[in-house]
Amino acid sequence: MMTFLRNRMFLEGVAFGGICGFIIGSVIAFTLGESSVEALRKLLHRRRTIPFEYLYQ
């Protein structure tokens, strides 16, 4: 019986954390707006690209 209670509490914690994470992420995305998110994506994409002009040497 104790194992069932422990598993239930764990699953409730996972569900609660997932719901809270979804709500917090939605609030952050709504606050930043689409243009800020797109600018952040471009910045991250620019850092991941390889500068091929340095490889030609």
PDB file of N, CA and C in Angstrom:
ATOM      1  N   MET A   1       0.813  -1.194   0.000  1.00  0.00           N
ATOM      2  CA  MET A   1       0.000   0.000   0.000  1.00  0.00           C
ATOM      3  C   MET A   1       0.859   1.261   0.000  1.00  0.00           C
ATOM      4  N   MET A   2       1.982   1.223   0.706  1.00  0.00           N
ATOM      5  CA  MET A   2       2.847   2.396   0.778  1.00  0.00           C
ATOM      6  C   MET A   2       3.479   2.691  -0.578  1.00  0.00           C
ATOM      7  N   THR A   3       3.818   1.644  -1.353  1.00  0.00           N
ATOM      8  CA  THR A   3       4.406   1.843  -2.675  1.00  0.00           C
ATOM      9  C   THR A   3       3.414   2.528  -3.604  1.00  0.00           C
ATOM     10  N   PHE A   4       2.146   2.132  -3.530  1.00  0.00           N
ATOM     11  CA  PHE A   4       1.122   2.758  -4.359  1.00  0.00           C
ATOM     12  C   PHE A   4       0.986   4.236  -4.020  1.00  0.00           C
ATOM     13  N   LEU A   5       1.008   4.565  -2.733  1.00  0.00           N
ATOM     14  CA  LEU A   5       0.889   5.954  -2.304  1.00  0.00           C
ATOM     15  C   LEU A   5       2.087   6.766  -2.768  1.00  0.00           C
ATOM     16  N   ARG A   6       3.279   6.185  -2.697  1.00  0.00           N
ATOM     17  CA  ARG A   6       4.491   6.877  -3.125  1.00  0.00           C
ATOM     18  C   ARG A   6       4.466   7.128  -4.632  1.00  0.00           C
ATOM     19  N   ASN A   7       4.027   6.118  -5.406  1.00  0.00           N
ATOM     20  CA  ASN A   7       3.933   6.299  -6.852  1.00  0.00           C
ATOM     21  C   ASN A   7       2.883   7.334  -7.212  1.00  0.00           C
ATOM     22  N   ARG A   8       1.782   7.340  -6.494  1.00  0.00           N
ATOM     23  CA  ARG A   8       0.725   8.309  -6.764  1.00  0.00           C
ATOM     24  C   ARG A   8       1.215   9.727  -6.498  1.00  0.00           C
ATOM     25  N   MET A   9       1.926   9.916  -5.408  1.00  0.00           N
ATOM     26  CA  MET A   9       2.457  11.249  -5.090  1.00  0.00           C
ATOM     27  C   MET A   9       3.462  11.692  -6.152  1.00  0.00           C
ATOM     28  N   PHE A  10       4.274  10.752  -6.619  1.00  0.00           N
ATOM     29  CA  PHE A  10       5.240  11.077  -7.670  1.00  0.00           C
ATOM     30  C   PHE A  10       4.526  11.504  -8.944  1.00  0.00           C
ATOM     31  N   LEU A  11       3.514  10.763  -9.343  1.00  0.00           N
ATOM     32  CA  LEU A  11       2.780  11.099 -10.571  1.00  0.00           C
ATOM     33  C   LEU A  11       2.034  12.414 -10.433  1.00  0.00           C
ATOM     34  N   GLU A  12       1.490  12.676  -9.257  1.00  0.00           N
ATOM     35  CA  GLU A  12       0.834  13.967  -9.029  1.00  0.00           C
ATOM     36  C   GLU A  12       1.850  15.102  -9.115  1.00  0.00           C
ATOM     37  N   GLY A  13       3.033  14.888  -8.601  1.00  0.00           N
ATOM     38  CA  GLY A  13       4.088  15.902  -8.687  1.00  0.00           C
ATOM     39  C   GLY A  13       4.525  16.161 -10.114  1.00  0.00           C
ATOM     40  N   VAL A  14       4.641  15.097 -10.888  1.00  0.00           N
ATOM     41  CA  VAL A  14       5.006  15.250 -12.296  1.00  0.00           C
ATOM     42  C   VAL A  14       3.922  16.011 -13.047  1.00  0.00           C
ATOM     43  N   ALA A  15       2.667  15.671 -12.804  1.00  0.00           N
ATOM     44  CA  ALA A  15       1.555  16.357 -13.467  1.00  0.00           C
ATOM     45  C   ALA A  15       1.501  17.824 -13.054  1.00  0.00           C
ATOM     46  N   PHE A  16       1.657  18.096 -11.770  1.00  0.00           N
ATOM     47  CA  PHE A  16       1.628  19.472 -11.279  1.00  0.00           C
ATOM     48  C   PHE A  16       2.789  20.283 -11.869  1.00  0.00           C
ATOM     49  N   GLY A  17       3.971  19.708 -11.919  1.00  0.00           N
ATOM     50  CA  GLY A  17       5.122  20.396 -12.500  1.00  0.00           C
ATOM     51  C   GLY A  17       4.948  20.660 -13.980  1.00  0.00           C
ATOM     52  N   GLY A  18       4.366  19.706 -14.697  1.00  0.00           N
ATOM     53  CA  GLY A  18       4.122  19.908 -16.122  1.00  0.00           C
ATOM     54  C   GLY A  18       3.127  21.016 -16.380  1.00  0.00           C
ATOM     55  N   ILE A  19       2.074  21.049 -15.590  1.00  0.00           N
ATOM     56  CA  ILE A  19       1.068  22.107 -15.754  1.00  0.00           C
ATOM     57  C   ILE A  19       1.658  23.470 -15.412  1.00  0.00           C
ATOM     58  N   CYS A  20       2.406  23.552 -14.323  1.00  0.00           N
ATOM     59  CA  CYS A  20       3.034  24.825 -13.947  1.00  0.00           C
ATOM     60  C   CYS A  20       4.043  25.278 -15.004  1.00  0.00           C
ATOM     61  N   GLY A  21       4.820  24.344 -15.541  1.00  0.00           N
ATOM     62  CA  GLY A  21       5.785  24.685 -16.588  1.00  0.00           C
ATOM     63  C   GLY A  21       5.106  25.188 -17.842  1.00  0.00           C
ATOM     64  N   PHE A  22       3.991  24.581 -18.195  1.00  0.00           N
ATOM     65  CA  PHE A  22       3.243  25.030 -19.370  1.00  0.00           C
ATOM     66  C   PHE A  22       2.693  26.438 -19.161  1.00  0.00           C
ATOM     67  N   ILE A  23       2.158  26.694 -17.978  1.00  0.00           N
ATOM     68  CA  ILE A  23       1.609  28.023 -17.692  1.00  0.00           C
ATOM     69  C   ILE A  23       2.706  29.083 -17.674  1.00  0.00           C
ATOM     70  N   ILE A  24       3.819  28.795 -17.013  1.00  0.00           N
ATOM     71  CA  ILE A  24       4.915  29.765 -16.945  1.00  0.00           C
ATOM     72  C   ILE A  24       5.499  30.011 -18.332  1.00  0.00           C
ATOM     73  N   GLY A  25       5.673  28.966 -19.121  1.00  0.00           N
ATOM     74  CA  GLY A  25       6.180  29.133 -20.481  1.00  0.00           C
ATOM     75  C   GLY A  25       5.241  29.947 -21.352  1.00  0.00           C
ATOM     76  N   SER A  26       3.951  29.746 -21.194  1.00  0.00           N
ATOM     77  CA  SER A  26       2.976  30.521 -21.963  1.00  0.00           C
ATOM     78  C   SER A  26       3.011  31.989 -21.575  1.00  0.00           C
ATOM     79  N   VAL A  27       3.126  32.258 -20.284  1.00  0.00           N
ATOM     80  CA  VAL A  27       3.200  33.648 -19.828  1.00  0.00           C
ATOM     81  C   VAL A  27       4.459  34.322 -20.360  1.00  0.00           C
ATOM     82  N   ILE A  28       5.583  33.633 -20.329  1.00  0.00           N
ATOM     83  CA  ILE A  28       6.833  34.204 -20.846  1.00  0.00           C
ATOM     84  C   ILE A  28       6.730  34.457 -22.337  1.00  0.00           C
ATOM     85  N   ALA A  29       6.185  33.503 -23.082  1.00  0.00           N
ATOM     86  CA  ALA A  29       6.049  33.680 -24.528  1.00  0.00           C
ATOM     87  C   ALA A  29       5.100  34.825 -24.852  1.00  0.00           C
ATOM     88  N   PHE A  30       4.029  34.959 -24.111  1.00  0.00           N
ATOM     89  CA  PHE A  30       3.088  36.054 -24.350  1.00  0.00           C
ATOM     90  C   PHE A  30       3.724  37.396 -24.013  1.00  0.00           C
ATOM     91  N   THR A  31       4.529  37.428 -22.957  1.00  0.00           N
ATOM     92  CA  THR A  31       5.171  38.674 -22.549  1.00  0.00           C
ATOM     93  C   THR A  31       6.238  39.112 -23.549  1.00  0.00           C
ATOM     94  N   LEU A  32       7.038  38.179 -24.012  1.00  0.00           N
ATOM     95  CA  LEU A  32       8.097  38.526 -24.952  1.00  0.00           C
ATOM     96  C   LEU A  32       7.550  38.945 -26.305  1.00  0.00           C
ATOM     97  N   GLY A  33       6.542  38.259 -26.762  1.00  0.00           N
ATOM     98  CA  GLY A  33       5.988  38.566 -28.072  1.00  0.00           C
ATOM     99  C   GLY A  33       6.708  37.794 -29.153  1.00  0.00           C
ATOM    100  N   GLU A  34       6.111  37.784 -30.318  1.00  0.00           N
ATOM    101  CA  GLU A  34       6.643  37.006 -31.439  1.00  0.00           C
ATOM    102  C   GLU A  34       7.945  37.579 -31.973  1.00  0.00           C
ATOM    103  N   SER A  35       8.079  38.896 -32.034  1.00  0.00           N
ATOM    104  CA  SER A  35       9.292  39.492 -32.614  1.00  0.00           C
ATOM    105  C   SER A  35      10.522  39.214 -31.750  1.00  0.00           C
ATOM    106  N   SER A  36      10.356  39.253 -30.438  1.00  0.00           N
ATOM    107  CA  SER A  36      11.490  38.975 -29.555  1.00  0.00           C
ATOM    108  C   SER A  36      11.914  37.518 -29.649  1.00  0.00           C
ATOM    109  N   VAL A  37      10.954  36.630 -29.739  1.00  0.00           N
ATOM    110  CA  VAL A  37      11.266  35.207 -29.852  1.00  0.00           C
ATOM    111  C   VAL A  37      11.969  34.932 -31.173  1.00  0.00           C
ATOM    112  N   GLU A  38      11.516  35.564 -32.242  1.00  0.00           N
ATOM    113  CA  GLU A  38      12.162  35.383 -33.544  1.00  0.00           C
ATOM    114  C   GLU A  38      13.592  35.934 -33.537  1.00  0.00           C
ATOM    115  N   ALA A  39      13.808  37.065 -32.880  1.00  0.00           N
ATOM    116  CA  ALA A  39      15.155  37.625 -32.774  1.00  0.00           C
ATOM    117  C   ALA A  39      16.063  36.697 -31.976  1.00  0.00           C
ATOM    118  N   LEU A  40      15.541  36.091 -30.922  1.00  0.00           N
ATOM    119  CA  LEU A  40      16.322  35.145 -30.131  1.00  0.00           C
ATOM    120  C   LEU A  40      16.664  33.903 -30.937  1.00  0.00           C
ATOM    121  N   ARG A  41      15.713  33.413 -31.731  1.00  0.00           N
ATOM    122  CA  ARG A  41      15.984  32.254 -32.588  1.00  0.00           C
ATOM    123  C   ARG A  41      17.072  32.563 -33.613  1.00  0.00           C
ATOM    124  N   LYS A  42      17.020  33.755 -34.206  1.00  0.00           N
ATOM    125  CA  LYS A  42      18.052  34.140 -35.181  1.00  0.00           C
ATOM    126  C   LYS A  42      19.420  34.218 -34.519  1.00  0.00           C
ATOM    127  N   LEU A  43      19.472  34.765 -33.307  1.00  0.00           N
ATOM    128  CA  LEU A  43      20.739  34.868 -32.592  1.00  0.00           C
ATOM    129  C   LEU A  43      21.306  33.489 -32.297  1.00  0.00           C
ATOM    130  N   LEU A  44      20.472  32.576 -31.845  1.00  0.00           N
ATOM    131  CA  LEU A  44      20.940  31.222 -31.560  1.00  0.00           C
ATOM    132  C   LEU A  44      21.347  30.496 -32.836  1.00  0.00           C
ATOM    133  N   HIS A  45      20.623  30.702 -33.920  1.00  0.00           N
ATOM    134  CA  HIS A  45      20.970  30.057 -35.188  1.00  0.00           C
ATOM    135  C   HIS A  45      22.295  30.597 -35.724  1.00  0.00           C
ATOM    136  N   ARG A  46      22.529  31.881 -35.548  1.00  0.00           N
ATOM    137  CA  ARG A  46      23.773  32.488 -36.018  1.00  0.00           C
ATOM    138  C   ARG A  46      24.966  31.915 -35.270  1.00  0.00           C
ATOM    139  N   ARG A  47      24.805  31.612 -34.011  1.00  0.00           N
ATOM    140  CA  ARG A  47      25.915  31.059 -33.223  1.00  0.00           C
ATOM    141  C   ARG A  47      26.213  29.616 -33.599  1.00  0.00           C
ATOM    142  N   ARG A  48      25.227  28.894 -34.115  1.00  0.00           N
ATOM    143  CA  ARG A  48      25.430  27.486 -34.451  1.00  0.00           C
ATOM    144  C   ARG A  48      26.029  27.292 -35.838  1.00  0.00           C
ATOM    145  N   THR A  49      25.965  28.291 -36.688  1.00  0.00           N
ATOM    146  CA  THR A  49      26.474  28.115 -38.046  1.00  0.00           C
ATOM    147  C   THR A  49      28.000  28.147 -38.040  1.00  0.00           C
ATOM    148  N   ILE A  50      28.581  27.448 -38.973  1.00  0.00           N
ATOM    149  CA  ILE A  50      30.031  27.356 -39.083  1.00  0.00           C
ATOM    150  C   ILE A  50      30.499  28.412 -40.072  1.00  0.00           C
ATOM    151  N   PRO A  51      31.483  29.229 -39.694  1.00  0.00           N
ATOM    152  CA  PRO A  51      32.029  30.218 -40.646  1.00  0.00           C
ATOM    153  C   PRO A  51      32.934  29.518 -41.675  1.00  0.00           C
ATOM    154  N   PHE A  52      32.358  29.197 -42.819  1.00  0.00           N
ATOM    155  CA  PHE A  52      33.083  28.426 -43.814  1.00  0.00           C
ATOM    156  C   PHE A  52      34.257  29.184 -44.426  1.00  0.00           C
ATOM    157  N   GLU A  53      34.238  30.534 -44.379  1.00  0.00           N
ATOM    158  CA  GLU A  53      35.355  31.280 -44.964  1.00  0.00           C
ATOM    159  C   GLU A  53      36.650  31.003 -44.205  1.00  0.00           C
ATOM    160  N   TYR A  54      36.575  30.636 -42.953  1.00  0.00           N
ATOM    161  CA  TYR A  54      37.786  30.281 -42.208  1.00  0.00           C
ATOM    162  C   TYR A  54      38.277  28.879 -42.542  1.00  0.00           C
ATOM    163  N   LEU A  55      37.412  28.039 -43.035  1.00  0.00           N
ATOM    164  CA  LEU A  55      37.805  26.679 -43.367  1.00  0.00           C
ATOM    165  C   LEU A  55      38.501  26.574 -44.711  1.00  0.00           C
ATOM    166  N   TYR A  56      38.367  27.600 -45.550  1.00  0.00           N
ATOM    167  CA  TYR A  56      38.970  27.559 -46.893  1.00  0.00           C
ATOM    168  C   TYR A  56      40.478  27.813 -46.854  1.00  0.00           C
ATOM    169  N   GLN A  57      41.030  28.209 -45.760  1.00  0.00           N
ATOM    170  CA  GLN A  57      42.458  28.538 -45.695  1.00  0.00           C
ATOM    171  C   GLN A  57      43.332  27.314 -45.811  1.00  0.00           C
TER     172      GLN A  57
END
